[in-house]
N, C-alpha and C. Protein backbone atom coordinates (compact mmCIF):
# COMPACT_ATOMS: atom_id res chain seq x y z
N MET A 1 14.42 -5.08 -10.46
CA MET A 1 13.67 -5.01 -9.25
C MET A 1 12.89 -6.30 -9.21
N PHE A 2 12.26 -6.60 -10.13
CA PHE A 2 11.29 -7.74 -10.31
C PHE A 2 11.92 -8.92 -10.41
N HIS A 3 13.01 -9.10 -10.82
CA HIS A 3 13.77 -10.51 -10.90
C HIS A 3 15.00 -10.70 -9.76
N ASN A 4 15.31 -9.82 -9.11
CA ASN A 4 16.56 -10.03 -8.27
C ASN A 4 16.30 -9.38 -6.76
N ALA A 5 15.24 -8.71 -6.68
CA ALA A 5 15.02 -7.99 -5.32
C ALA A 5 14.98 -9.13 -4.23
N ARG A 6 14.02 -9.97 -4.31
CA ARG A 6 13.95 -11.09 -3.37
C ARG A 6 15.19 -11.69 -3.11
N ALA A 7 15.98 -12.07 -4.14
CA ALA A 7 17.40 -12.84 -3.81
C ALA A 7 18.17 -11.81 -2.87
N GLN A 8 18.20 -10.53 -3.45
CA GLN A 8 19.10 -9.60 -2.65
C GLN A 8 18.79 -9.46 -1.22
N LEU A 9 17.46 -9.33 -1.01
CA LEU A 9 16.93 -9.23 0.34
C LEU A 9 17.25 -10.48 1.33
N GLU A 10 17.29 -11.71 0.63
CA GLU A 10 17.45 -12.93 1.34
C GLU A 10 19.14 -12.85 1.91
N ARG A 11 19.78 -12.10 1.10
CA ARG A 11 21.34 -12.47 1.22
C ARG A 11 21.66 -11.17 2.17
N GLY A 12 20.78 -10.30 2.74
CA GLY A 12 20.98 -9.30 3.60
C GLY A 12 21.39 -8.03 2.94
N SER A 13 21.19 -8.13 1.59
CA SER A 13 21.41 -6.58 0.76
C SER A 13 20.13 -6.10 0.51
N GLY A 14 20.20 -5.47 -0.60
CA GLY A 14 18.88 -4.91 -1.12
C GLY A 14 18.91 -4.15 -2.39
N PRO A 15 17.60 -3.83 -3.11
CA PRO A 15 17.87 -3.00 -4.26
C PRO A 15 18.22 -1.71 -4.10
N TYR A 16 19.47 -1.18 -4.74
CA TYR A 16 19.88 0.13 -4.22
C TYR A 16 20.03 0.60 -5.67
N PHE A 17 19.58 2.03 -5.77
CA PHE A 17 19.64 2.73 -7.10
C PHE A 17 20.54 4.04 -6.78
N TYR A 18 20.97 4.59 -7.93
CA TYR A 18 21.65 5.58 -8.03
C TYR A 18 21.04 6.66 -8.99
N LEU A 19 20.58 8.00 -8.61
CA LEU A 19 19.96 8.82 -9.54
C LEU A 19 20.84 10.04 -9.69
N PRO A 20 21.62 9.99 -10.83
CA PRO A 20 22.33 11.39 -11.00
C PRO A 20 21.49 12.24 -11.50
N LYS A 21 21.94 13.68 -11.18
CA LYS A 21 21.22 14.77 -11.59
C LYS A 21 19.84 14.80 -11.56
N LEU A 22 19.52 14.68 -10.37
CA LEU A 22 18.02 14.77 -10.07
C LEU A 22 17.91 16.37 -9.91
N GLU A 23 16.95 16.86 -10.61
CA GLU A 23 16.99 18.32 -10.73
C GLU A 23 15.63 19.13 -9.98
N SER A 24 14.72 18.18 -9.50
CA SER A 24 13.52 18.87 -8.77
C SER A 24 12.89 18.03 -7.90
N HIS A 25 11.94 18.50 -7.13
CA HIS A 25 11.27 17.77 -6.07
C HIS A 25 10.11 16.82 -6.89
N LEU A 26 9.72 17.46 -8.12
CA LEU A 26 8.60 16.67 -8.99
C LEU A 26 9.35 15.46 -9.64
N GLU A 27 10.65 15.64 -10.05
CA GLU A 27 11.22 14.47 -10.56
C GLU A 27 11.55 13.42 -9.23
N ALA A 28 11.88 13.82 -7.91
CA ALA A 28 11.98 12.96 -7.01
C ALA A 28 10.41 12.23 -6.67
N ARG A 29 9.45 13.12 -6.70
CA ARG A 29 8.19 12.33 -6.66
C ARG A 29 8.00 11.24 -7.59
N LEU A 30 8.37 11.46 -8.79
CA LEU A 30 8.17 10.39 -9.89
C LEU A 30 8.97 9.14 -9.41
N TRP A 31 10.18 9.42 -8.98
CA TRP A 31 10.98 8.12 -8.57
C TRP A 31 10.32 7.59 -7.54
N ALA A 32 9.80 8.29 -6.45
CA ALA A 32 8.99 7.73 -5.31
C ALA A 32 7.92 7.04 -5.65
N GLN A 33 7.25 7.21 -6.73
CA GLN A 33 5.96 6.65 -7.07
C GLN A 33 6.29 5.33 -7.87
N ALA A 34 7.52 5.53 -8.61
CA ALA A 34 8.18 4.26 -9.26
C ALA A 34 8.55 3.16 -8.40
N PHE A 35 9.36 3.72 -7.45
CA PHE A 35 9.79 2.75 -6.30
C PHE A 35 8.59 2.15 -5.50
N ALA A 36 7.57 3.00 -5.08
CA ALA A 36 6.40 2.29 -4.42
C ALA A 36 5.77 1.21 -5.17
N LEU A 37 5.69 1.50 -6.68
CA LEU A 37 4.96 0.57 -7.33
C LEU A 37 5.69 -0.73 -7.50
N ALA A 38 7.24 -0.57 -7.58
CA ALA A 38 7.92 -1.70 -7.76
C ALA A 38 7.92 -2.62 -6.30
N GLU A 39 7.86 -1.77 -5.19
CA GLU A 39 7.92 -2.45 -3.84
C GLU A 39 6.53 -3.13 -3.69
N GLY A 40 5.56 -2.57 -4.04
CA GLY A 40 4.16 -3.07 -4.01
C GLY A 40 4.18 -4.40 -4.70
N SER A 41 4.45 -4.44 -5.95
CA SER A 41 4.22 -5.79 -6.73
C SER A 41 5.27 -6.58 -6.16
N SER A 42 6.52 -6.21 -5.73
CA SER A 42 7.33 -7.46 -5.36
C SER A 42 7.18 -7.96 -3.93
N GLY A 43 6.36 -7.18 -3.08
CA GLY A 43 6.05 -7.29 -1.72
C GLY A 43 7.08 -7.15 -0.74
N SER A 44 8.15 -6.45 -1.23
CA SER A 44 8.98 -5.77 -0.33
C SER A 44 8.99 -4.20 0.13
N VAL A 45 7.99 -4.01 0.66
CA VAL A 45 7.64 -2.45 1.00
C VAL A 45 8.81 -2.00 1.82
N GLY A 46 9.47 -0.83 1.41
CA GLY A 46 10.60 -0.07 2.17
C GLY A 46 11.87 -0.71 2.06
N SER A 47 12.27 -1.41 1.10
CA SER A 47 13.46 -1.99 0.84
C SER A 47 14.24 -1.27 -0.17
N ILE A 48 13.86 -0.48 -0.89
CA ILE A 48 14.56 0.16 -2.01
C ILE A 48 15.20 1.37 -1.27
N ARG A 49 16.59 1.60 -1.56
CA ARG A 49 17.25 2.69 -1.06
C ARG A 49 17.97 3.25 -2.51
N CYS A 50 18.32 4.55 -2.38
CA CYS A 50 18.78 5.27 -3.56
C CYS A 50 19.77 6.47 -2.97
N THR A 51 20.66 6.82 -3.95
CA THR A 51 21.48 7.65 -3.54
C THR A 51 21.25 8.79 -4.86
N VAL A 52 21.15 10.14 -4.28
CA VAL A 52 20.95 11.21 -5.47
C VAL A 52 21.93 12.05 -5.50
N LEU A 53 22.32 12.47 -6.54
CA LEU A 53 23.30 13.32 -6.90
C LEU A 53 22.75 14.87 -7.13
N ILE A 54 23.05 15.62 -6.06
CA ILE A 54 22.56 16.99 -6.32
C ILE A 54 23.71 17.84 -6.96
N GLU A 55 23.69 18.19 -8.20
CA GLU A 55 24.73 18.81 -9.03
C GLU A 55 24.29 20.30 -9.53
N THR A 56 23.07 20.63 -9.45
CA THR A 56 22.56 21.86 -9.92
C THR A 56 22.18 22.83 -8.88
N ILE A 57 22.07 24.24 -8.97
CA ILE A 57 21.97 25.17 -7.96
C ILE A 57 20.26 25.00 -7.68
N LEU A 58 19.48 24.77 -8.77
CA LEU A 58 18.02 24.68 -8.54
C LEU A 58 17.68 23.41 -7.65
N ALA A 59 18.51 22.40 -7.94
CA ALA A 59 18.12 21.09 -7.06
C ALA A 59 18.67 21.30 -5.68
N ALA A 60 19.56 22.00 -5.42
CA ALA A 60 20.24 22.41 -4.11
C ALA A 60 19.20 23.28 -3.26
N PHE A 61 18.52 24.01 -3.83
CA PHE A 61 17.36 24.75 -3.32
C PHE A 61 16.12 23.93 -2.94
N GLU A 62 16.10 22.78 -3.46
CA GLU A 62 14.82 21.97 -3.40
C GLU A 62 15.22 20.69 -2.66
N MET A 63 16.44 20.57 -1.94
CA MET A 63 16.97 19.49 -1.22
C MET A 63 15.95 19.06 -0.06
N GLU A 64 15.51 20.05 0.55
CA GLU A 64 14.74 19.72 1.66
C GLU A 64 13.29 19.02 1.04
N GLU A 65 12.91 19.42 0.04
CA GLU A 65 11.72 18.61 -0.63
C GLU A 65 11.96 17.42 -1.19
N ILE A 66 12.91 17.36 -1.79
CA ILE A 66 13.47 16.01 -2.32
C ILE A 66 13.62 15.00 -1.24
N SER A 67 14.15 15.25 -0.16
CA SER A 67 14.43 14.01 0.69
C SER A 67 13.21 13.92 1.46
N THR A 68 12.27 15.01 1.56
CA THR A 68 10.86 14.69 2.36
C THR A 68 10.15 13.78 1.51
N ILE A 69 10.11 13.94 0.18
CA ILE A 69 9.33 13.18 -0.84
C ILE A 69 9.94 11.79 -0.74
N ALA A 70 11.17 11.44 -0.82
CA ALA A 70 11.76 10.24 -0.90
C ALA A 70 11.73 9.40 0.53
N ARG A 71 11.45 10.09 1.62
CA ARG A 71 11.21 9.57 2.85
C ARG A 71 12.29 8.60 3.30
N LEU A 72 13.41 9.16 3.57
CA LEU A 72 14.38 8.50 4.02
C LEU A 72 15.15 7.51 3.23
N ARG A 73 14.73 7.37 2.02
CA ARG A 73 15.53 6.38 1.06
C ARG A 73 16.71 7.08 0.40
N VAL A 74 16.61 8.19 0.36
CA VAL A 74 17.70 9.19 -0.09
C VAL A 74 18.90 9.54 0.54
N ARG A 75 20.13 9.29 0.24
CA ARG A 75 21.41 9.83 0.54
C ARG A 75 21.72 10.69 -0.51
N ALA A 76 21.83 11.88 -0.22
CA ALA A 76 22.14 13.02 -1.18
C ALA A 76 23.67 13.11 -0.99
N GLN A 77 24.24 13.57 -2.36
CA GLN A 77 25.45 13.84 -2.53
C GLN A 77 25.60 15.16 -3.39
N ARG A 78 26.84 15.96 -2.99
CA ARG A 78 27.08 17.06 -3.80
C ARG A 78 27.71 16.56 -4.97
N GLY A 79 27.56 17.55 -5.96
CA GLY A 79 28.49 17.29 -7.14
C GLY A 79 30.15 17.38 -7.15
N ARG A 80 30.61 16.44 -7.80
CA ARG A 80 32.11 16.42 -7.83
C ARG A 80 32.67 17.56 -7.88
N TRP A 81 32.39 18.54 -8.74
CA TRP A 81 32.93 19.78 -9.03
C TRP A 81 32.73 20.74 -8.03
N THR A 82 31.92 20.71 -7.09
CA THR A 82 31.76 21.74 -5.79
C THR A 82 32.88 21.45 -4.88
N THR A 83 33.34 20.19 -5.04
CA THR A 83 34.68 20.03 -3.92
C THR A 83 36.09 20.06 -4.55
N SER A 84 35.96 20.00 -6.01
CA SER A 84 37.38 20.06 -6.50
C SER A 84 38.18 21.37 -6.55
N SER A 85 37.40 22.34 -6.43
CA SER A 85 38.02 23.81 -6.40
C SER A 85 38.19 24.14 -5.01
N ALA A 86 37.83 23.41 -3.91
CA ALA A 86 38.16 23.82 -2.64
C ALA A 86 39.60 23.47 -2.05
């Protein structure tokens, strides 16, 4: 983030992260704080986007809290095994 965020933003892209197997809203809060710290130090507030893989039943029950904490940064995905048997 420190070394390439500005260059990505100048090209019309941005810093994107993939968070596999996020399991709780507490973990989402930790990532949100880390992203806020990185954005604050780079001067690009609101530029980070992330994709979260919801793969456990416990995380599925906390999807609302996870997306609220992440404040529209998150694009949630279901686990690949949930769709393979359908």
